[in-house]
């Protein structure tokens, strides 16, 4: 299973009650796989699928940011246990971006850091969460700008989206066996 150790990204269509969770992603690790969900209409900003640290970043469509230099982004990262690089990056989750220290809270098994940060002329709400899984660690970041054109309930919708993203993260330990409907995408060399 040497090919699996080089990491395979799997895209699986999911049937989900979450309106945004149209596509399931599985990242195969040396000890199984981790999975998460994203909206099928979300542009992929970055997809780095090889351990020791994987990054899957998406832009969340928002009419208010059309033509603006600001956008709402959701990032899933997975960190291989035992890697010094991964450990260093994981420690940076929750670091302070703005003038005030991030607040800390918990959502299930996730440690969540909440803060405001200024980028250019926009103030962003930044939510970072991290947790230990059995064979890897995981983090999720959602950042959105507070724009004049945002819907009145945009902050509340982003909070719901963040919780749904956290709920979508799962891990399967053991040898990976493709399921019916899985489409395998190998990273380019």
N, C-alpha and C. Protein backbone atom coordinates (compact mmCIF):
# COMPACT_ATOMS: atom_id res chain seq x y z
N UNK A 1 0.82 -1.19 0.00
CA UNK A 1 0.00 0.00 0.00
C UNK A 1 0.86 1.26 0.00
N UNK A 2 2.01 1.19 -0.67
CA UNK A 2 2.91 2.33 -0.72
C UNK A 2 2.25 3.55 -1.35
N UNK A 3 1.42 3.35 -2.35
CA UNK A 3 0.73 4.47 -3.00
C UNK A 3 -0.14 5.21 -1.99
N UNK A 4 -0.80 4.47 -1.12
CA UNK A 4 -1.65 5.11 -0.12
C UNK A 4 -0.85 5.96 0.84
N UNK A 5 0.36 5.56 1.14
CA UNK A 5 1.20 6.35 2.04
C UNK A 5 1.60 7.67 1.41
N UNK A 6 1.59 7.77 0.10
CA UNK A 6 1.90 9.03 -0.58
C UNK A 6 0.69 9.95 -0.61
N UNK A 7 -0.38 9.50 -0.03
CA UNK A 7 -1.60 10.26 0.16
C UNK A 7 -2.44 10.39 -1.09
N UNK A 8 -3.64 10.02 -0.95
CA UNK A 8 -4.62 10.10 -2.03
C UNK A 8 -5.77 10.96 -1.53
N UNK A 9 -6.22 11.84 -2.35
CA UNK A 9 -7.39 12.63 -1.98
C UNK A 9 -8.59 12.03 -2.69
N UNK A 10 -9.62 11.77 -1.95
CA UNK A 10 -10.82 11.16 -2.50
C UNK A 10 -11.97 12.14 -2.43
N UNK A 11 -12.69 12.23 -3.50
CA UNK A 11 -13.86 13.08 -3.53
C UNK A 11 -15.08 12.18 -3.64
N UNK A 12 -15.95 12.25 -2.67
CA UNK A 12 -17.12 11.40 -2.64
C UNK A 12 -18.35 12.26 -2.51
N UNK A 13 -19.30 12.08 -3.41
CA UNK A 13 -20.56 12.80 -3.25
C UNK A 13 -21.29 12.23 -2.05
N UNK A 14 -21.76 13.12 -1.21
CA UNK A 14 -22.46 12.70 0.00
C UNK A 14 -23.94 13.04 -0.10
N UNK A 15 -24.72 12.24 0.53
CA UNK A 15 -26.12 12.60 0.75
C UNK A 15 -26.16 13.09 2.18
N UNK A 16 -26.42 14.41 2.35
CA UNK A 16 -26.31 15.01 3.67
C UNK A 16 -27.46 15.96 3.92
N UNK A 17 -27.91 16.06 5.16
CA UNK A 17 -28.95 17.02 5.48
C UNK A 17 -28.43 18.45 5.46
N UNK A 18 -27.12 18.64 5.48
CA UNK A 18 -26.55 19.98 5.46
C UNK A 18 -26.55 20.50 4.03
N UNK A 19 -27.14 21.63 3.82
CA UNK A 19 -27.26 22.19 2.47
C UNK A 19 -25.90 22.45 1.85
N UNK A 20 -24.91 22.82 2.66
CA UNK A 20 -23.61 23.17 2.12
C UNK A 20 -22.71 21.96 1.92
N UNK A 21 -22.99 20.86 2.58
CA UNK A 21 -22.09 19.71 2.60
C UNK A 21 -22.38 18.77 1.44
N UNK A 22 -22.06 19.22 0.25
CA UNK A 22 -22.37 18.45 -0.94
C UNK A 22 -21.28 17.47 -1.34
N UNK A 23 -20.06 17.73 -0.94
CA UNK A 23 -18.94 16.90 -1.35
C UNK A 23 -18.15 16.47 -0.12
N UNK A 24 -17.87 15.18 -0.05
CA UNK A 24 -17.04 14.66 1.02
C UNK A 24 -15.63 14.45 0.52
N UNK A 25 -14.67 14.81 1.33
CA UNK A 25 -13.26 14.63 1.00
C UNK A 25 -12.67 13.63 1.99
N UNK A 26 -11.85 12.73 1.49
CA UNK A 26 -11.13 11.79 2.33
C UNK A 26 -9.65 11.95 2.00
N UNK A 27 -8.86 12.10 3.03
CA UNK A 27 -7.40 12.16 2.84
C UNK A 27 -6.84 10.90 3.49
N UNK A 28 -6.26 10.06 2.67
CA UNK A 28 -5.72 8.79 3.15
C UNK A 28 -4.38 9.05 3.83
N UNK A 29 -4.25 8.50 5.02
CA UNK A 29 -3.02 8.61 5.80
C UNK A 29 -2.39 7.23 5.90
N UNK A 30 -1.23 7.16 6.51
CA UNK A 30 -0.58 5.85 6.63
C UNK A 30 -1.34 4.94 7.59
N UNK A 31 -2.23 5.49 8.40
CA UNK A 31 -2.95 4.70 9.39
C UNK A 31 -4.46 4.68 9.17
N UNK A 32 -4.93 5.09 7.99
CA UNK A 32 -6.37 5.12 7.73
C UNK A 32 -6.71 6.31 6.85
N UNK A 33 -7.75 7.07 7.26
CA UNK A 33 -8.06 8.30 6.54
C UNK A 33 -8.82 9.25 7.44
N UNK A 34 -8.78 10.52 7.06
CA UNK A 34 -9.60 11.55 7.69
C UNK A 34 -10.55 12.08 6.62
N UNK A 35 -11.72 12.52 7.05
CA UNK A 35 -12.73 12.98 6.11
C UNK A 35 -13.34 14.28 6.60
N UNK A 36 -13.84 15.07 5.65
CA UNK A 36 -14.55 16.31 5.96
C UNK A 36 -15.44 16.64 4.78
N UNK A 37 -16.34 17.60 4.95
CA UNK A 37 -17.28 17.98 3.91
C UNK A 37 -17.13 19.44 3.53
N UNK A 38 -17.43 19.73 2.26
CA UNK A 38 -17.39 21.10 1.74
C UNK A 38 -18.49 21.25 0.70
N UNK A 39 -18.86 22.49 0.42
CA UNK A 39 -19.88 22.77 -0.57
C UNK A 39 -19.36 22.55 -1.98
N UNK A 40 -20.16 21.92 -2.83
CA UNK A 40 -19.68 21.63 -4.19
C UNK A 40 -19.52 22.89 -5.02
N UNK A 41 -20.14 23.99 -4.63
CA UNK A 41 -20.02 25.25 -5.37
C UNK A 41 -18.90 26.14 -4.84
N UNK A 42 -18.19 25.69 -3.82
CA UNK A 42 -17.12 26.49 -3.23
C UNK A 42 -15.85 26.35 -4.05
N UNK A 43 -15.29 27.46 -4.54
CA UNK A 43 -14.00 27.37 -5.24
C UNK A 43 -12.90 26.86 -4.30
N UNK A 44 -12.05 25.99 -4.84
CA UNK A 44 -10.89 25.51 -4.09
C UNK A 44 -9.80 26.56 -4.20
N UNK A 45 -9.34 27.07 -3.07
CA UNK A 45 -8.28 28.07 -3.03
C UNK A 45 -6.93 27.37 -3.00
N UNK A 46 -6.84 26.26 -2.25
CA UNK A 46 -5.59 25.52 -2.13
C UNK A 46 -5.91 24.08 -1.75
N UNK A 47 -5.14 23.14 -2.30
CA UNK A 47 -5.30 21.73 -1.95
C UNK A 47 -3.90 21.12 -1.90
N UNK A 48 -3.36 21.04 -0.70
CA UNK A 48 -2.05 20.41 -0.48
C UNK A 48 -2.36 19.14 0.30
N UNK A 49 -2.29 18.01 -0.36
CA UNK A 49 -2.81 16.77 0.21
C UNK A 49 -1.76 15.78 0.68
N UNK A 50 -0.52 16.22 0.82
CA UNK A 50 0.52 15.29 1.27
C UNK A 50 0.95 15.61 2.69
N UNK A 51 1.03 14.57 3.50
CA UNK A 51 1.48 14.70 4.88
C UNK A 51 2.96 15.07 4.89
N UNK A 52 3.46 15.72 5.90
CA UNK A 52 2.96 15.66 7.27
C UNK A 52 1.85 16.67 7.59
N UNK A 53 1.61 17.67 6.72
CA UNK A 53 0.53 18.62 6.95
C UNK A 53 -0.25 18.78 5.65
N UNK A 54 -1.56 18.58 5.72
CA UNK A 54 -2.40 18.79 4.55
C UNK A 54 -3.20 20.07 4.74
N UNK A 55 -3.50 20.74 3.64
CA UNK A 55 -4.29 21.97 3.66
C UNK A 55 -5.34 21.88 2.56
N UNK A 56 -6.58 22.09 2.93
CA UNK A 56 -7.68 22.13 1.97
C UNK A 56 -8.45 23.42 2.25
N UNK A 57 -8.30 24.41 1.35
CA UNK A 57 -8.89 25.73 1.56
C UNK A 57 -9.94 26.02 0.51
N UNK A 58 -11.05 26.59 0.95
CA UNK A 58 -12.18 26.89 0.08
C UNK A 58 -12.63 28.33 0.28
N UNK A 59 -13.13 28.95 -0.78
CA UNK A 59 -13.74 30.27 -0.67
C UNK A 59 -15.25 30.06 -0.59
N UNK A 60 -15.87 30.69 0.38
CA UNK A 60 -17.32 30.60 0.55
C UNK A 60 -17.96 31.75 -0.21
N UNK A 61 -18.78 31.46 -1.21
CA UNK A 61 -19.39 32.53 -2.00
C UNK A 61 -20.22 33.49 -1.15
N UNK A 62 -20.08 34.78 -1.42
CA UNK A 62 -20.80 35.84 -0.72
C UNK A 62 -20.98 36.99 -1.70
N UNK A 63 -22.20 37.34 -2.02
CA UNK A 63 -22.46 38.42 -2.97
C UNK A 63 -21.81 39.73 -2.53
N UNK A 64 -21.68 39.96 -1.23
CA UNK A 64 -21.12 41.21 -0.72
C UNK A 64 -19.64 41.38 -1.07
N UNK A 65 -18.91 40.30 -1.32
CA UNK A 65 -17.48 40.45 -1.60
C UNK A 65 -17.14 40.41 -3.09
N UNK A 66 -18.17 40.35 -3.94
CA UNK A 66 -17.93 40.31 -5.38
C UNK A 66 -17.16 41.57 -5.81
N UNK A 67 -16.00 41.36 -6.43
CA UNK A 67 -15.16 42.46 -6.89
C UNK A 67 -14.33 43.10 -5.79
N UNK A 68 -14.47 42.63 -4.56
CA UNK A 68 -13.70 43.18 -3.44
C UNK A 68 -12.46 42.32 -3.20
N UNK A 69 -11.44 42.89 -2.55
CA UNK A 69 -10.24 42.10 -2.25
C UNK A 69 -10.41 41.19 -1.03
N UNK A 70 -11.61 41.12 -0.49
CA UNK A 70 -11.86 40.35 0.73
C UNK A 70 -12.81 39.20 0.42
N UNK A 71 -12.64 38.08 1.14
CA UNK A 71 -13.53 36.95 0.93
C UNK A 71 -13.61 36.09 2.18
N UNK A 72 -14.64 35.28 2.23
CA UNK A 72 -14.83 34.33 3.32
C UNK A 72 -14.14 33.03 2.91
N UNK A 73 -13.32 32.50 3.83
CA UNK A 73 -12.56 31.29 3.52
C UNK A 73 -12.67 30.28 4.66
N UNK A 74 -12.69 29.01 4.28
CA UNK A 74 -12.74 27.90 5.22
C UNK A 74 -11.56 26.98 4.90
N UNK A 75 -10.78 26.64 5.94
CA UNK A 75 -9.58 25.83 5.75
C UNK A 75 -9.59 24.64 6.71
N UNK A 76 -9.38 23.45 6.15
CA UNK A 76 -9.22 22.23 6.92
C UNK A 76 -7.74 21.84 6.85
N UNK A 77 -7.12 21.56 8.00
CA UNK A 77 -5.73 21.10 8.02
C UNK A 77 -5.63 19.85 8.89
N UNK A 78 -4.78 18.91 8.45
CA UNK A 78 -4.53 17.70 9.21
C UNK A 78 -3.02 17.56 9.40
N UNK A 79 -2.62 17.12 10.60
CA UNK A 79 -1.22 17.11 11.02
C UNK A 79 -0.84 15.70 11.45
N UNK A 80 0.20 15.19 10.85
CA UNK A 80 0.68 13.85 11.17
C UNK A 80 1.35 13.84 12.54
N UNK A 81 0.94 12.92 13.40
CA UNK A 81 1.58 12.77 14.70
C UNK A 81 3.04 12.34 14.51
N UNK A 82 3.92 12.88 15.31
CA UNK A 82 5.33 12.52 15.25
C UNK A 82 6.16 13.40 14.34
N UNK A 83 5.54 14.30 13.61
CA UNK A 83 6.27 15.21 12.72
C UNK A 83 6.55 16.53 13.45
N UNK A 84 7.82 16.95 13.45
CA UNK A 84 8.17 18.22 14.08
C UNK A 84 7.54 19.39 13.35
N UNK A 85 7.51 19.33 12.03
CA UNK A 85 6.88 20.40 11.24
C UNK A 85 5.40 20.52 11.59
N UNK A 86 4.72 19.39 11.65
CA UNK A 86 3.30 19.39 11.97
C UNK A 86 3.06 19.92 13.38
N UNK A 87 3.88 19.51 14.34
CA UNK A 87 3.72 19.95 15.73
C UNK A 87 3.90 21.47 15.84
N UNK A 88 4.88 22.00 15.12
CA UNK A 88 5.14 23.45 15.15
C UNK A 88 3.95 24.22 14.58
N UNK A 89 3.42 23.76 13.45
CA UNK A 89 2.27 24.44 12.84
C UNK A 89 1.02 24.33 13.71
N UNK A 90 0.82 23.19 14.34
CA UNK A 90 -0.35 22.99 15.19
C UNK A 90 -0.31 23.93 16.39
N UNK A 91 0.88 24.18 16.92
CA UNK A 91 1.01 25.10 18.06
C UNK A 91 0.62 26.53 17.70
N UNK A 92 0.68 26.88 16.43
CA UNK A 92 0.35 28.25 16.02
C UNK A 92 -1.16 28.49 15.91
N UNK A 93 -1.96 27.43 15.99
CA UNK A 93 -3.42 27.58 15.91
C UNK A 93 -3.89 28.37 17.14
N UNK A 94 -4.62 29.43 16.89
CA UNK A 94 -5.11 30.27 17.98
C UNK A 94 -4.20 31.44 18.30
N UNK A 95 -3.15 31.63 17.48
CA UNK A 95 -2.27 32.77 17.76
C UNK A 95 -3.01 34.08 17.53
N UNK A 96 -2.57 35.11 18.20
CA UNK A 96 -3.22 36.42 18.15
C UNK A 96 -2.90 37.12 16.83
N UNK A 97 -3.95 37.60 16.14
CA UNK A 97 -3.79 38.38 14.91
C UNK A 97 -4.09 39.85 15.13
N UNK A 98 -5.05 40.15 15.96
CA UNK A 98 -5.47 41.53 16.18
C UNK A 98 -4.82 42.12 17.42
N UNK A 99 -5.46 43.17 17.93
CA UNK A 99 -4.91 43.85 19.10
C UNK A 99 -5.29 43.16 20.40
N UNK A 100 -6.31 42.30 20.35
CA UNK A 100 -6.73 41.60 21.56
C UNK A 100 -6.48 40.11 21.45
N UNK A 101 -6.17 39.51 22.59
CA UNK A 101 -5.94 38.07 22.65
C UNK A 101 -7.22 37.34 22.29
N UNK A 102 -7.13 36.24 21.52
CA UNK A 102 -8.34 35.49 21.16
C UNK A 102 -9.03 34.91 22.39
N UNK A 103 -10.35 34.85 22.35
CA UNK A 103 -11.07 34.18 23.43
C UNK A 103 -11.02 32.67 23.15
N UNK A 104 -11.15 31.89 24.22
CA UNK A 104 -11.11 30.43 24.10
C UNK A 104 -12.44 29.86 24.57
N UNK A 105 -12.90 28.87 23.84
CA UNK A 105 -14.13 28.17 24.21
C UNK A 105 -14.02 26.74 23.69
N UNK A 106 -15.02 25.95 23.95
CA UNK A 106 -15.04 24.57 23.46
C UNK A 106 -16.33 24.30 22.72
N UNK A 107 -16.21 23.50 21.68
CA UNK A 107 -17.36 22.99 20.95
C UNK A 107 -17.13 21.49 20.82
N UNK A 108 -17.84 20.71 21.60
CA UNK A 108 -17.58 19.28 21.63
C UNK A 108 -16.13 19.04 22.06
N UNK A 109 -15.40 18.26 21.27
CA UNK A 109 -13.99 17.97 21.57
C UNK A 109 -13.04 19.00 20.97
N UNK A 110 -13.58 20.03 20.34
CA UNK A 110 -12.77 21.05 19.69
C UNK A 110 -12.47 22.20 20.65
N UNK A 111 -11.22 22.65 20.66
CA UNK A 111 -10.85 23.89 21.34
C UNK A 111 -10.96 25.00 20.29
N UNK A 112 -11.75 26.03 20.58
CA UNK A 112 -12.04 27.08 19.61
C UNK A 112 -11.46 28.40 20.08
N UNK A 113 -10.82 29.11 19.15
CA UNK A 113 -10.26 30.43 19.40
C UNK A 113 -11.01 31.42 18.53
N UNK A 114 -11.50 32.50 19.13
CA UNK A 114 -12.32 33.49 18.43
C UNK A 114 -11.64 34.86 18.56
N UNK A 115 -11.53 35.57 17.42
CA UNK A 115 -10.92 36.89 17.47
C UNK A 115 -11.31 37.73 16.26
N UNK A 116 -11.04 39.02 16.36
CA UNK A 116 -11.20 39.95 15.25
C UNK A 116 -9.80 40.34 14.79
N UNK A 117 -9.64 40.49 13.49
CA UNK A 117 -8.35 40.89 12.92
C UNK A 117 -8.61 41.81 11.74
N UNK A 118 -7.74 42.79 11.55
CA UNK A 118 -7.88 43.72 10.43
C UNK A 118 -6.95 43.28 9.31
N UNK A 119 -7.50 43.22 8.11
CA UNK A 119 -6.71 42.93 6.91
C UNK A 119 -7.09 44.00 5.89
N UNK A 120 -6.14 44.82 5.52
CA UNK A 120 -6.45 45.93 4.64
C UNK A 120 -7.43 46.85 5.33
N UNK A 121 -8.54 47.11 4.68
CA UNK A 121 -9.56 47.99 5.26
C UNK A 121 -10.73 47.22 5.86
N UNK A 122 -10.62 45.92 5.95
CA UNK A 122 -11.72 45.10 6.45
C UNK A 122 -11.38 44.46 7.79
N UNK A 123 -12.39 44.39 8.64
CA UNK A 123 -12.27 43.64 9.89
C UNK A 123 -12.82 42.25 9.64
N UNK A 124 -12.03 41.25 10.01
CA UNK A 124 -12.42 39.85 9.84
C UNK A 124 -12.75 39.23 11.20
N UNK A 125 -13.74 38.36 11.18
CA UNK A 125 -13.97 37.46 12.30
C UNK A 125 -13.19 36.20 11.95
N UNK A 126 -12.35 35.75 12.88
CA UNK A 126 -11.54 34.56 12.66
C UNK A 126 -11.85 33.54 13.75
N UNK A 127 -12.31 32.38 13.32
CA UNK A 127 -12.56 31.26 14.22
C UNK A 127 -11.58 30.15 13.88
N UNK A 128 -10.80 29.75 14.84
CA UNK A 128 -9.86 28.64 14.69
C UNK A 128 -10.26 27.56 15.69
N UNK A 129 -10.20 26.31 15.26
CA UNK A 129 -10.48 25.19 16.16
C UNK A 129 -9.45 24.11 15.93
N UNK A 130 -9.12 23.39 16.99
CA UNK A 130 -8.20 22.26 16.85
C UNK A 130 -8.60 21.16 17.80
N UNK A 131 -8.21 19.94 17.42
CA UNK A 131 -8.44 18.79 18.27
C UNK A 131 -7.53 17.65 17.86
N UNK A 132 -7.32 16.76 18.81
CA UNK A 132 -6.54 15.55 18.56
C UNK A 132 -7.49 14.45 18.14
N UNK A 133 -7.15 13.78 17.06
CA UNK A 133 -7.85 12.57 16.67
C UNK A 133 -6.94 11.41 17.07
N UNK A 134 -7.25 10.20 16.68
CA UNK A 134 -6.45 9.05 17.09
C UNK A 134 -5.06 9.06 16.47
N UNK A 135 -4.97 9.26 15.16
CA UNK A 135 -3.70 9.14 14.44
C UNK A 135 -3.18 10.47 13.88
N UNK A 136 -4.02 11.48 13.84
CA UNK A 136 -3.63 12.81 13.35
C UNK A 136 -4.29 13.86 14.23
N UNK A 137 -3.84 15.10 14.08
CA UNK A 137 -4.51 16.24 14.70
C UNK A 137 -5.23 16.98 13.59
N UNK A 138 -6.24 17.75 13.95
CA UNK A 138 -7.02 18.48 12.95
C UNK A 138 -7.21 19.92 13.39
N UNK A 139 -7.28 20.82 12.41
CA UNK A 139 -7.68 22.19 12.70
C UNK A 139 -8.60 22.67 11.58
N UNK A 140 -9.47 23.59 11.93
CA UNK A 140 -10.39 24.20 10.98
C UNK A 140 -10.38 25.70 11.25
N UNK A 141 -10.26 26.49 10.19
CA UNK A 141 -10.32 27.95 10.32
C UNK A 141 -11.40 28.48 9.39
N UNK A 142 -12.23 29.35 9.93
CA UNK A 142 -13.19 30.10 9.13
C UNK A 142 -12.94 31.57 9.40
N UNK A 143 -12.72 32.31 8.33
CA UNK A 143 -12.53 33.75 8.45
C UNK A 143 -13.45 34.46 7.47
N UNK A 144 -14.15 35.48 7.95
CA UNK A 144 -15.02 36.24 7.06
C UNK A 144 -14.92 37.73 7.36
N UNK A 145 -14.97 38.54 6.30
CA UNK A 145 -14.91 39.98 6.49
C UNK A 145 -16.28 40.53 6.86
N UNK A 146 -16.27 41.54 7.70
CA UNK A 146 -17.51 42.26 8.01
C UNK A 146 -17.65 43.36 6.97
N UNK A 147 -18.45 43.07 5.96
CA UNK A 147 -18.65 44.00 4.85
C UNK A 147 -20.03 44.64 4.95
N UNK A 148 -20.12 45.88 4.46
CA UNK A 148 -21.41 46.58 4.48
C UNK A 148 -22.50 45.81 3.78
N UNK A 149 -22.17 45.09 2.73
CA UNK A 149 -23.16 44.36 1.95
C UNK A 149 -23.52 42.99 2.47
N UNK A 150 -22.89 42.55 3.57
CA UNK A 150 -23.22 41.23 4.13
C UNK A 150 -24.70 41.20 4.52
N UNK A 151 -25.32 40.04 4.36
CA UNK A 151 -26.69 39.86 4.81
C UNK A 151 -26.77 40.11 6.32
N UNK A 152 -27.93 40.54 6.78
CA UNK A 152 -28.10 40.84 8.21
C UNK A 152 -27.75 39.65 9.10
N UNK A 153 -28.00 38.45 8.64
CA UNK A 153 -27.75 37.25 9.44
C UNK A 153 -26.44 36.55 9.05
N UNK A 154 -25.54 37.24 8.35
CA UNK A 154 -24.32 36.61 7.83
C UNK A 154 -23.46 36.03 8.96
N UNK A 155 -23.24 36.79 10.03
CA UNK A 155 -22.43 36.28 11.14
C UNK A 155 -23.04 35.00 11.72
N UNK A 156 -24.34 34.99 11.91
CA UNK A 156 -25.01 33.80 12.46
C UNK A 156 -24.90 32.61 11.50
N UNK A 157 -25.02 32.87 10.20
CA UNK A 157 -24.88 31.79 9.21
C UNK A 157 -23.45 31.24 9.20
N UNK A 158 -22.47 32.11 9.37
CA UNK A 158 -21.08 31.65 9.40
C UNK A 158 -20.81 30.83 10.65
N UNK A 159 -21.41 31.20 11.77
CA UNK A 159 -21.27 30.41 12.99
C UNK A 159 -21.83 29.00 12.78
N UNK A 160 -22.98 28.90 12.14
CA UNK A 160 -23.59 27.59 11.84
C UNK A 160 -22.70 26.79 10.89
N UNK A 161 -22.19 27.46 9.86
CA UNK A 161 -21.32 26.79 8.90
C UNK A 161 -20.07 26.24 9.60
N UNK A 162 -19.49 27.03 10.50
CA UNK A 162 -18.30 26.60 11.24
C UNK A 162 -18.60 25.35 12.06
N UNK A 163 -19.71 25.34 12.76
CA UNK A 163 -20.07 24.16 13.55
C UNK A 163 -20.30 22.95 12.66
N UNK A 164 -20.95 23.15 11.52
CA UNK A 164 -21.16 22.05 10.58
C UNK A 164 -19.83 21.52 10.04
N UNK A 165 -18.89 22.42 9.77
CA UNK A 165 -17.57 22.01 9.30
C UNK A 165 -16.87 21.17 10.36
N UNK A 166 -16.93 21.60 11.61
CA UNK A 166 -16.32 20.83 12.70
C UNK A 166 -16.98 19.47 12.82
N UNK A 167 -18.29 19.44 12.73
CA UNK A 167 -19.02 18.17 12.84
C UNK A 167 -18.70 17.22 11.69
N UNK A 168 -18.27 17.75 10.56
CA UNK A 168 -18.01 16.90 9.39
C UNK A 168 -16.67 16.17 9.46
N UNK A 169 -15.78 16.58 10.36
CA UNK A 169 -14.45 15.98 10.44
C UNK A 169 -14.54 14.64 11.17
N UNK A 170 -14.09 13.58 10.49
CA UNK A 170 -14.07 12.25 11.07
C UNK A 170 -12.75 11.56 10.72
N UNK A 171 -12.47 10.50 11.44
CA UNK A 171 -11.25 9.72 11.18
C UNK A 171 -11.61 8.24 11.18
N UNK A 172 -11.00 7.52 10.25
CA UNK A 172 -11.13 6.07 10.21
C UNK A 172 -9.74 5.47 10.32
N UNK A 173 -9.54 4.62 11.27
CA UNK A 173 -8.23 3.99 11.48
C UNK A 173 -8.26 2.60 10.87
N UNK A 174 -7.16 2.23 10.23
CA UNK A 174 -7.05 0.92 9.59
C UNK A 174 -6.84 1.09 8.10
N UNK A 175 -6.66 -0.02 7.42
CA UNK A 175 -6.40 0.03 5.98
C UNK A 175 -7.59 0.64 5.24
N UNK A 176 -7.29 1.53 4.31
CA UNK A 176 -8.34 2.18 3.53
C UNK A 176 -8.82 1.26 2.43
N UNK A 177 -10.12 1.14 2.30
CA UNK A 177 -10.75 0.39 1.21
C UNK A 177 -11.74 1.33 0.52
N UNK A 178 -11.51 1.65 -0.77
CA UNK A 178 -12.43 2.56 -1.46
C UNK A 178 -13.86 2.06 -1.40
N UNK A 179 -14.77 2.99 -1.25
CA UNK A 179 -16.19 2.68 -1.22
C UNK A 179 -16.78 2.91 -2.61
N UNK A 180 -17.92 2.33 -2.87
CA UNK A 180 -18.60 2.53 -4.13
C UNK A 180 -18.89 4.02 -4.29
N UNK A 181 -18.54 4.57 -5.45
CA UNK A 181 -18.77 5.98 -5.71
C UNK A 181 -17.58 6.87 -5.45
N UNK A 182 -16.54 6.33 -4.81
CA UNK A 182 -15.34 7.14 -4.57
C UNK A 182 -14.63 7.42 -5.88
N UNK A 183 -14.19 8.64 -6.05
CA UNK A 183 -13.37 9.03 -7.18
C UNK A 183 -11.99 9.36 -6.64
N UNK A 184 -10.98 8.69 -7.08
CA UNK A 184 -9.63 8.87 -6.56
C UNK A 184 -8.89 9.90 -7.39
N UNK A 185 -8.36 10.90 -6.72
CA UNK A 185 -7.54 11.93 -7.36
C UNK A 185 -6.16 11.87 -6.71
N UNK A 186 -5.13 11.55 -7.48
CA UNK A 186 -3.78 11.50 -6.93
C UNK A 186 -3.12 12.86 -7.12
N UNK A 187 -2.40 13.33 -6.10
CA UNK A 187 -1.70 14.60 -6.25
C UNK A 187 -0.67 14.52 -7.38
N UNK A 188 -0.52 15.59 -8.12
CA UNK A 188 0.49 15.59 -9.19
C UNK A 188 1.87 15.67 -8.56
N UNK A 189 2.82 15.06 -9.20
CA UNK A 189 4.19 15.01 -8.65
C UNK A 189 4.95 16.27 -8.95
